[in-house]
Amino acid sequence: MDLWKRFKRCYEARALDSVLEKMGTRQRRIDFSIRILPSKKGRVLDLGSGDGLLLETLGADNAIGSDISIVYCRRMKSKKLEAVNCVAEHLPFASNSFSIIVCTEVLEHTLYPSEVVKEIRRVSKKDGHTLFSVPYREDLTSYENCRYEFAHLRSFEENDIISMLERFFAIDSVDFYAFHIILTTLHGYYINKIFSVVWKFFFIKYQTNFLRKFFNLFRPIYILILARKYQRLESSGRRHCARSVE
């Protein structure tokens, strides 16, 4: 069977899995993500929207969800949400269409993540923002016995994801979410923001092999990156904090 057909078939099956739909921390993760987004008017795209929970929480009038699963798209439409069935590598939208794009917990699933990021840049407006989040330093061996052919296909270190995004965007902020043990029950926004700063400027910077196991007790589950599409200014010779790919 063709790779794309197998991939789509897998995610149609996942959309019907009631176990996956009962993840109790989804709403907390969404609430934290929304607070990172800048306040701006314009169209919003939630990429890999699933059943549309983020769109419901966001409550934006001019928002649209997209997903590879037709099952999820039908669920979104049943909630009166606008939905488009498509793959993330080929978005059916005009260039410069969206002021805000949300791509949370999507890149680890995709076949070609760089193509997804490139497409996001294309459909983002000038100075538009995209919020990316991916699992952080995930142990992929936990998926070896997964009943689905396609689960999480890759794990991300902070340098991996930032380097990939900097080819297409300027990076405005980096945050971490859901720290192990210490914050298993405390998922408040400000608590996570504080631990993000501690992790970035102490744990990562001063980590050694001897201390690695200790630091992993505090390791966050997700990394969130707010990125901005910048305009290349060839004539002025000005530099930006990311490389242009236009």
C-alpha atoms as a PDB file:
ATOM      1  CA  MET A   1       0.000   0.000   0.000  1.00  0.00           C
ATOM      2  CA  ASP A   2       1.189   3.521  -0.790  1.00  0.00           C
ATOM      3  CA  LEU A   3       2.929   5.251   2.146  1.00  0.00           C
ATOM      4  CA  TRP A   4       0.482   8.165   2.245  1.00  0.00           C
ATOM      5  CA  LYS A   5      -2.521   5.816   2.143  1.00  0.00           C
ATOM      6  CA  ARG A   6      -1.115   3.796   5.043  1.00  0.00           C
ATOM      7  CA  PHE A   7      -0.406   6.995   6.942  1.00  0.00           C
ATOM      8  CA  LYS A   8      -3.935   8.350   6.458  1.00  0.00           C
ATOM      9  CA  ARG A   9      -5.468   4.981   7.274  1.00  0.00           C
ATOM     10  CA  CYS A  10      -3.535   4.890  10.536  1.00  0.00           C
ATOM     11  CA  TYR A  11      -4.808   8.291  11.629  1.00  0.00           C
ATOM     12  CA  GLU A  12      -8.399   7.492  10.720  1.00  0.00           C
ATOM     13  CA  ALA A  13      -8.102   4.523  13.079  1.00  0.00           C
ATOM     14  CA  ARG A  14      -6.534   6.676  15.795  1.00  0.00           C
ATOM     15  CA  ALA A  15      -9.397   9.158  15.516  1.00  0.00           C
ATOM     16  CA  LEU A  16     -11.812   6.363  16.431  1.00  0.00           C
ATOM     17  CA  ASP A  17      -9.768   5.282  19.462  1.00  0.00           C
ATOM     18  CA  SER A  18     -11.740   6.296  22.560  1.00  0.00           C
ATOM     19  CA  VAL A  19      -8.688   5.758  24.789  1.00  0.00           C
ATOM     20  CA  LEU A  20      -6.749   8.463  22.996  1.00  0.00           C
ATOM     21  CA  GLU A  21      -9.682  10.828  23.339  1.00  0.00           C
ATOM     22  CA  LYS A  22      -9.712  10.589  27.152  1.00  0.00           C
ATOM     23  CA  MET A  23      -6.314  12.104  27.880  1.00  0.00           C
ATOM     24  CA  GLY A  24      -6.992  14.150  30.995  1.00  0.00           C
ATOM     25  CA  THR A  25      -4.178  16.656  30.551  1.00  0.00           C
ATOM     26  CA  ARG A  26      -5.192  17.897  27.086  1.00  0.00           C
ATOM     27  CA  GLN A  27      -7.172  20.864  28.349  1.00  0.00           C
ATOM     28  CA  ARG A  28      -4.363  22.019  30.653  1.00  0.00           C
ATOM     29  CA  ARG A  29      -1.849  21.849  27.814  1.00  0.00           C
ATOM     30  CA  ILE A  30      -4.185  23.803  25.551  1.00  0.00           C
ATOM     31  CA  ASP A  31      -4.810  26.457  28.207  1.00  0.00           C
ATOM     32  CA  PHE A  32      -1.054  26.899  28.681  1.00  0.00           C
ATOM     33  CA  SER A  33      -0.468  27.107  24.917  1.00  0.00           C
ATOM     34  CA  ILE A  34      -3.149  29.733  24.364  1.00  0.00           C
ATOM     35  CA  ARG A  35      -1.623  32.004  26.995  1.00  0.00           C
ATOM     36  CA  ILE A  36       1.638  32.045  25.039  1.00  0.00           C
ATOM     37  CA  LEU A  37      -0.066  33.230  21.849  1.00  0.00           C
ATOM     38  CA  PRO A  38       0.135  36.974  21.143  1.00  0.00           C
ATOM     39  CA  SER A  39      -3.043  39.028  21.107  1.00  0.00           C
ATOM     40  CA  LYS A  40      -3.666  40.010  17.513  1.00  0.00           C
ATOM     41  CA  LYS A  41      -6.553  40.158  15.090  1.00  0.00           C
ATOM     42  CA  GLY A  42      -6.729  38.084  11.927  1.00  0.00           C
ATOM     43  CA  ARG A  43      -7.306  34.548  10.744  1.00  0.00           C
ATOM     44  CA  VAL A  44      -6.227  31.632  12.923  1.00  0.00           C
ATOM     45  CA  LEU A  45      -5.236  28.148  11.720  1.00  0.00           C
ATOM     46  CA  ASP A  46      -5.018  25.186  14.083  1.00  0.00           C
ATOM     47  CA  LEU A  47      -2.921  22.611  12.249  1.00  0.00           C
ATOM     48  CA  GLY A  48      -3.601  19.005  13.236  1.00  0.00           C
ATOM     49  CA  SER A  49      -6.659  20.177  15.118  1.00  0.00           C
ATOM     50  CA  GLY A  50      -8.031  16.754  16.036  1.00  0.00           C
ATOM     51  CA  ASP A  51     -11.518  17.129  17.448  1.00  0.00           C
ATOM     52  CA  GLY A  52     -11.177  20.911  17.655  1.00  0.00           C
ATOM     53  CA  LEU A  53     -10.709  21.311  21.406  1.00  0.00           C
ATOM     54  CA  LEU A  54      -8.189  24.136  20.979  1.00  0.00           C
ATOM     55  CA  LEU A  55     -10.501  26.006  18.597  1.00  0.00           C
ATOM     56  CA  GLU A  56     -13.364  25.632  21.067  1.00  0.00           C
ATOM     57  CA  THR A  57     -11.202  26.945  23.902  1.00  0.00           C
ATOM     58  CA  LEU A  58      -9.795  29.789  21.823  1.00  0.00           C
ATOM     59  CA  GLY A  59     -13.265  30.904  20.772  1.00  0.00           C
ATOM     60  CA  ALA A  60     -11.985  32.897  17.789  1.00  0.00           C
ATOM     61  CA  ASP A  61     -14.584  33.794  15.163  1.00  0.00           C
ATOM     62  CA  ASN A  62     -12.146  33.755  12.269  1.00  0.00           C
ATOM     63  CA  ALA A  63     -10.497  30.394  12.964  1.00  0.00           C
ATOM     64  CA  ILE A  64     -10.163  27.183  11.001  1.00  0.00           C
ATOM     65  CA  GLY A  65      -8.954  23.706  11.897  1.00  0.00           C
ATOM     66  CA  SER A  66      -7.186  21.245   9.621  1.00  0.00           C
ATOM     67  CA  ASP A  67      -6.529  17.551  10.081  1.00  0.00           C
ATOM     68  CA  ILE A  68      -5.479  14.519   8.062  1.00  0.00           C
ATOM     69  CA  SER A  69      -8.413  12.557   9.496  1.00  0.00           C
ATOM     70  CA  ILE A  70     -11.827  12.985   7.887  1.00  0.00           C
ATOM     71  CA  VAL A  71     -13.318  11.600  11.113  1.00  0.00           C
ATOM     72  CA  TYR A  72     -11.875  14.486  13.109  1.00  0.00           C
ATOM     73  CA  CYS A  73     -12.966  17.010  10.482  1.00  0.00           C
ATOM     74  CA  ARG A  74     -16.532  15.749  10.682  1.00  0.00           C
ATOM     75  CA  ARG A  75     -16.446  16.080  14.473  1.00  0.00           C
ATOM     76  CA  MET A  76     -15.252  19.660  14.180  1.00  0.00           C
ATOM     77  CA  LYS A  77     -18.008  20.480  11.712  1.00  0.00           C
ATOM     78  CA  SER A  78     -20.579  18.893  14.038  1.00  0.00           C
ATOM     79  CA  LYS A  79     -19.445  21.479  16.617  1.00  0.00           C
ATOM     80  CA  LYS A  80     -19.976  24.281  14.069  1.00  0.00           C
ATOM     81  CA  LEU A  81     -16.219  24.690  13.619  1.00  0.00           C
ATOM     82  CA  GLU A  82     -14.695  25.298  10.203  1.00  0.00           C
ATOM     83  CA  ALA A  83     -12.517  22.344   9.202  1.00  0.00           C
ATOM     84  CA  VAL A  84     -10.410  21.290   6.221  1.00  0.00           C
ATOM     85  CA  ASN A  85      -9.234  17.734   5.561  1.00  0.00           C
ATOM     86  CA  CYS A  86      -5.613  17.846   4.341  1.00  0.00           C
ATOM     87  CA  VAL A  87      -2.068  16.705   5.043  1.00  0.00           C
ATOM     88  CA  ALA A  88       0.213  19.153   6.809  1.00  0.00           C
ATOM     89  CA  GLU A  89       2.845  18.955   4.072  1.00  0.00           C
ATOM     90  CA  HIS A  90       0.410  20.357   1.479  1.00  0.00           C
ATOM     91  CA  LEU A  91      -1.886  23.022   2.923  1.00  0.00           C
ATOM     92  CA  PRO A  92      -4.775  24.085   0.630  1.00  0.00           C
ATOM     93  CA  PHE A  93      -4.548  27.757   1.573  1.00  0.00           C
ATOM     94  CA  ALA A  94      -3.269  30.817  -0.244  1.00  0.00           C
ATOM     95  CA  SER A  95       0.070  32.283   0.762  1.00  0.00           C
ATOM     96  CA  ASN A  96       0.028  34.938   3.514  1.00  0.00           C
ATOM     97  CA  SER A  97      -3.392  33.846   4.810  1.00  0.00           C
ATOM     98  CA  PHE A  98      -3.072  33.575   8.606  1.00  0.00           C
ATOM     99  CA  SER A  99      -2.024  35.902  11.414  1.00  0.00           C
ATOM    100  CA  ILE A 100      -1.724  33.077  13.960  1.00  0.00           C
ATOM    101  CA  ILE A 101      -1.002  29.393  13.361  1.00  0.00           C
ATOM    102  CA  VAL A 102      -0.974  26.715  16.039  1.00  0.00           C
ATOM    103  CA  CYS A 103       1.042  23.556  15.390  1.00  0.00           C
ATOM    104  CA  THR A 104       1.047  21.731  18.713  1.00  0.00           C
ATOM    105  CA  GLU A 105       2.039  18.073  18.986  1.00  0.00           C
ATOM    106  CA  VAL A 106       2.056  17.624  15.215  1.00  0.00           C
ATOM    107  CA  LEU A 107       5.656  17.570  13.941  1.00  0.00           C
ATOM    108  CA  GLU A 108       6.537  14.379  15.813  1.00  0.00           C
ATOM    109  CA  HIS A 109       3.829  12.585  13.806  1.00  0.00           C
ATOM    110  CA  THR A 110       4.574  13.917  10.335  1.00  0.00           C
ATOM    111  CA  LEU A 111       6.474  12.128   7.587  1.00  0.00           C
ATOM    112  CA  TYR A 112       8.328  15.260   6.445  1.00  0.00           C
ATOM    113  CA  PRO A 113       8.502  17.846   9.259  1.00  0.00           C
ATOM    114  CA  SER A 114      10.662  20.339   7.344  1.00  0.00           C
ATOM    115  CA  GLU A 115       8.066  20.420   4.564  1.00  0.00           C
ATOM    116  CA  VAL A 116       5.369  21.091   7.152  1.00  0.00           C
ATOM    117  CA  VAL A 117       7.317  24.020   8.602  1.00  0.00           C
ATOM    118  CA  LYS A 118       7.967  25.375   5.114  1.00  0.00           C
ATOM    119  CA  GLU A 119       4.235  25.238   4.305  1.00  0.00           C
ATOM    120  CA  ILE A 120       3.390  26.969   7.572  1.00  0.00           C
ATOM    121  CA  ARG A 121       5.731  29.798   6.662  1.00  0.00           C
ATOM    122  CA  ARG A 122       4.116  30.104   3.242  1.00  0.00           C
ATOM    123  CA  VAL A 123       0.559  30.483   4.567  1.00  0.00           C
ATOM    124  CA  SER A 124       1.592  32.747   7.466  1.00  0.00           C
ATOM    125  CA  LYS A 125       1.271  36.496   7.025  1.00  0.00           C
ATOM    126  CA  LYS A 126       4.251  38.819   7.351  1.00  0.00           C
ATOM    127  CA  ASP A 127       5.021  39.087  11.077  1.00  0.00           C
ATOM    128  CA  GLY A 128       2.463  36.349  11.693  1.00  0.00           C
ATOM    129  CA  HIS A 129       3.124  34.069  14.665  1.00  0.00           C
ATOM    130  CA  THR A 130       3.168  30.290  14.865  1.00  0.00           C
ATOM    131  CA  LEU A 131       3.206  28.326  18.105  1.00  0.00           C
ATOM    132  CA  PHE A 132       5.009  24.999  17.781  1.00  0.00           C
ATOM    133  CA  SER A 133       5.121  22.344  20.478  1.00  0.00           C
ATOM    134  CA  VAL A 134       6.651  18.866  20.424  1.00  0.00           C
ATOM    135  CA  PRO A 135       7.466  16.213  23.028  1.00  0.00           C
ATOM    136  CA  TYR A 136      10.847  16.931  24.574  1.00  0.00           C
ATOM    137  CA  ARG A 137      13.597  14.274  24.683  1.00  0.00           C
ATOM    138  CA  GLU A 138      11.006  11.540  24.349  1.00  0.00           C
ATOM    139  CA  ASP A 139      11.912   7.867  24.707  1.00  0.00           C
ATOM    140  CA  LEU A 140      10.617   6.405  21.434  1.00  0.00           C
ATOM    141  CA  THR A 141      11.082   2.813  22.619  1.00  0.00           C
ATOM    142  CA  SER A 142       7.762   3.197  24.433  1.00  0.00           C
ATOM    143  CA  TYR A 143       6.075   2.984  21.017  1.00  0.00           C
ATOM    144  CA  GLU A 144       7.700  -0.294  19.955  1.00  0.00           C
ATOM    145  CA  ASN A 145       4.565  -2.280  20.800  1.00  0.00           C
ATOM    146  CA  CYS A 146       2.113   0.373  19.637  1.00  0.00           C
ATOM    147  CA  ARG A 147      -0.797  -1.111  17.692  1.00  0.00           C
ATOM    148  CA  TYR A 148      -0.585   1.721  15.159  1.00  0.00           C
ATOM    149  CA  GLU A 149       2.005   1.681  12.394  1.00  0.00           C
ATOM    150  CA  PHE A 150       2.641   5.416  12.749  1.00  0.00           C
ATOM    151  CA  ALA A 151       2.922   6.901  16.240  1.00  0.00           C
ATOM    152  CA  HIS A 152       5.638   9.351  17.266  1.00  0.00           C
ATOM    153  CA  LEU A 153       8.246   9.122  14.524  1.00  0.00           C
ATOM    154  CA  ARG A 154      10.983  11.280  16.068  1.00  0.00           C
ATOM    155  CA  SER A 155      12.216  12.788  19.314  1.00  0.00           C
ATOM    156  CA  PHE A 156      13.344  16.404  19.665  1.00  0.00           C
ATOM    157  CA  GLU A 157      16.115  18.052  21.634  1.00  0.00           C
ATOM    158  CA  GLU A 158      15.821  21.823  22.012  1.00  0.00           C
ATOM    159  CA  ASN A 159      18.679  22.395  19.551  1.00  0.00           C
ATOM    160  CA  ASP A 160      17.070  20.105  16.955  1.00  0.00           C
ATOM    161  CA  ILE A 161      13.718  21.839  16.830  1.00  0.00           C
ATOM    162  CA  ILE A 162      15.133  25.357  17.146  1.00  0.00           C
ATOM    163  CA  SER A 163      17.653  24.774  14.338  1.00  0.00           C
ATOM    164  CA  MET A 164      14.921  23.500  12.034  1.00  0.00           C
ATOM    165  CA  LEU A 165      12.586  26.408  12.771  1.00  0.00           C
ATOM    166  CA  GLU A 166      15.315  29.041  12.410  1.00  0.00           C
ATOM    167  CA  ARG A 167      15.615  28.143   8.735  1.00  0.00           C
ATOM    168  CA  PHE A 168      12.140  29.599   8.233  1.00  0.00           C
ATOM    169  CA  PHE A 169      11.281  31.852  11.186  1.00  0.00           C
ATOM    170  CA  ALA A 170      12.588  34.191  13.833  1.00  0.00           C
ATOM    171  CA  ILE A 171      12.270  32.672  17.312  1.00  0.00           C
ATOM    172  CA  ASP A 172      10.445  34.909  19.783  1.00  0.00           C
ATOM    173  CA  SER A 173      10.285  32.636  22.836  1.00  0.00           C
ATOM    174  CA  VAL A 174      11.006  29.123  24.105  1.00  0.00           C
ATOM    175  CA  ASP A 175       9.040  27.556  26.951  1.00  0.00           C
ATOM    176  CA  PHE A 176       8.748  24.150  28.578  1.00  0.00           C
ATOM    177  CA  TYR A 177       5.668  22.459  29.997  1.00  0.00           C
ATOM    178  CA  ALA A 178       4.641  19.662  32.395  1.00  0.00           C
ATOM    179  CA  PHE A 179       7.732  18.912  34.445  1.00  0.00           C
ATOM    180  CA  HIS A 180       8.129  15.396  35.831  1.00  0.00           C
ATOM    181  CA  ILE A 181       7.574  14.538  39.519  1.00  0.00           C
ATOM    182  CA  ILE A 182       7.671  18.078  40.914  1.00  0.00           C
ATOM    183  CA  LEU A 183       4.802  19.279  38.731  1.00  0.00           C
ATOM    184  CA  THR A 184       2.791  16.126  38.115  1.00  0.00           C
ATOM    185  CA  THR A 185      -0.242  17.823  39.640  1.00  0.00           C
ATOM    186  CA  LEU A 186       0.774  21.484  39.470  1.00  0.00           C
ATOM    187  CA  HIS A 187       0.247  22.660  35.890  1.00  0.00           C
ATOM    188  CA  GLY A 188      -0.376  26.340  36.513  1.00  0.00           C
ATOM    189  CA  TYR A 189       0.771  28.800  33.873  1.00  0.00           C
ATOM    190  CA  TYR A 190       3.126  30.830  36.076  1.00  0.00           C
ATOM    191  CA  ILE A 191       4.594  27.758  37.761  1.00  0.00           C
ATOM    192  CA  ASN A 192       5.486  26.341  34.359  1.00  0.00           C
ATOM    193  CA  LYS A 193       6.907  29.680  33.220  1.00  0.00           C
ATOM    194  CA  ILE A 194       9.166  29.808  36.284  1.00  0.00           C
ATOM    195  CA  PHE A 195      10.394  26.250  35.771  1.00  0.00           C
ATOM    196  CA  SER A 196      10.980  27.006  32.079  1.00  0.00           C
ATOM    197  CA  VAL A 197      13.427  29.743  33.051  1.00  0.00           C
ATOM    198  CA  VAL A 198      15.138  27.507  35.619  1.00  0.00           C
ATOM    199  CA  TRP A 199      15.461  24.666  33.106  1.00  0.00           C
ATOM    200  CA  LYS A 200      16.827  26.851  30.291  1.00  0.00           C
ATOM    201  CA  PHE A 201      19.355  28.812  32.332  1.00  0.00           C
ATOM    202  CA  PHE A 202      20.483  26.256  34.899  1.00  0.00           C
ATOM    203  CA  PHE A 203      19.667  22.626  34.160  1.00  0.00           C
ATOM    204  CA  ILE A 204      20.570  22.692  30.445  1.00  0.00           C
ATOM    205  CA  LYS A 205      23.563  24.995  30.827  1.00  0.00           C
ATOM    206  CA  TYR A 206      25.235  23.197  33.716  1.00  0.00           C
ATOM    207  CA  GLN A 207      24.216  19.615  33.020  1.00  0.00           C
ATOM    208  CA  THR A 208      27.025  17.028  33.127  1.00  0.00           C
ATOM    209  CA  ASN A 209      27.001  13.262  32.680  1.00  0.00           C
ATOM    210  CA  PHE A 210      27.193  12.837  36.442  1.00  0.00           C
ATOM    211  CA  LEU A 211      24.169  15.068  37.032  1.00  0.00           C
ATOM    212  CA  ARG A 212      22.126  13.960  34.005  1.00  0.00           C
ATOM    213  CA  LYS A 213      20.052  11.361  35.865  1.00  0.00           C
ATOM    214  CA  PHE A 214      19.263  13.825  38.632  1.00  0.00           C
ATOM    215  CA  PHE A 215      18.262  16.562  36.197  1.00  0.00           C
ATOM    216  CA  ASN A 216      16.046  14.151  34.296  1.00  0.00           C
ATOM    217  CA  LEU A 217      13.797  13.991  37.362  1.00  0.00           C
ATOM    218  CA  PHE A 218      12.833  17.559  36.497  1.00  0.00           C
ATOM    219  CA  ARG A 219      12.777  17.150  32.722  1.00  0.00           C
ATOM    220  CA  PRO A 220       9.732  18.745  31.050  1.00  0.00           C
ATOM    221  CA  ILE A 221       7.529  16.725  28.714  1.00  0.00           C
ATOM    222  CA  TYR A 222       6.975  19.388  26.052  1.00  0.00           C
ATOM    223  CA  ILE A 223       8.917  22.232  24.489  1.00  0.00           C
ATOM    224  CA  LEU A 224       6.919  25.167  23.083  1.00  0.00           C
ATOM    225  CA  ILE A 225       8.375  27.674  20.626  1.00  0.00           C
ATOM    226  CA  LEU A 226       6.721  30.886  19.484  1.00  0.00           C
ATOM    227  CA  ALA A 227       8.043  31.740  16.013  1.00  0.00           C
ATOM    228  CA  ARG A 228       7.460  34.747  13.761  1.00  0.00           C
ATOM    229  CA  LYS A 229       7.577  35.082   9.991  1.00  0.00           C
ATOM    230  CA  TYR A 230       9.924  37.900   9.087  1.00  0.00           C
ATOM    231  CA  GLN A 231      10.301  39.814   5.827  1.00  0.00           C
ATOM    232  CA  ARG A 232      13.619  39.485   4.027  1.00  0.00           C
ATOM    233  CA  LEU A 233      15.217  42.874   3.339  1.00  0.00           C
ATOM    234  CA  GLU A 234      17.853  42.179   0.696  1.00  0.00           C
ATOM    235  CA  SER A 235      18.261  45.763  -0.444  1.00  0.00           C
ATOM    236  CA  SER A 236      18.961  47.211   2.994  1.00  0.00           C
ATOM    237  CA  GLY A 237      21.449  44.535   4.005  1.00  0.00           C
ATOM    238  CA  ARG A 238      19.826  44.254   7.438  1.00  0.00           C
ATOM    239  CA  ARG A 239      20.261  41.009   9.322  1.00  0.00           C
ATOM    240  CA  HIS A 240      17.672  38.987  11.131  1.00  0.00           C
ATOM    241  CA  CYS A 241      17.941  36.412  13.861  1.00  0.00           C
ATOM    242  CA  ALA A 242      16.973  33.635  11.445  1.00  0.00           C
ATOM    243  CA  ARG A 243      17.973  32.695   7.927  1.00  0.00           C
ATOM    244  CA  SER A 244      15.612  33.355   5.035  1.00  0.00           C
ATOM    245  CA  VAL A 245      14.556  30.561   2.726  1.00  0.00           C
ATOM    246  CA  GLU A 246      12.495  32.611   0.305  1.00  0.00           C
END
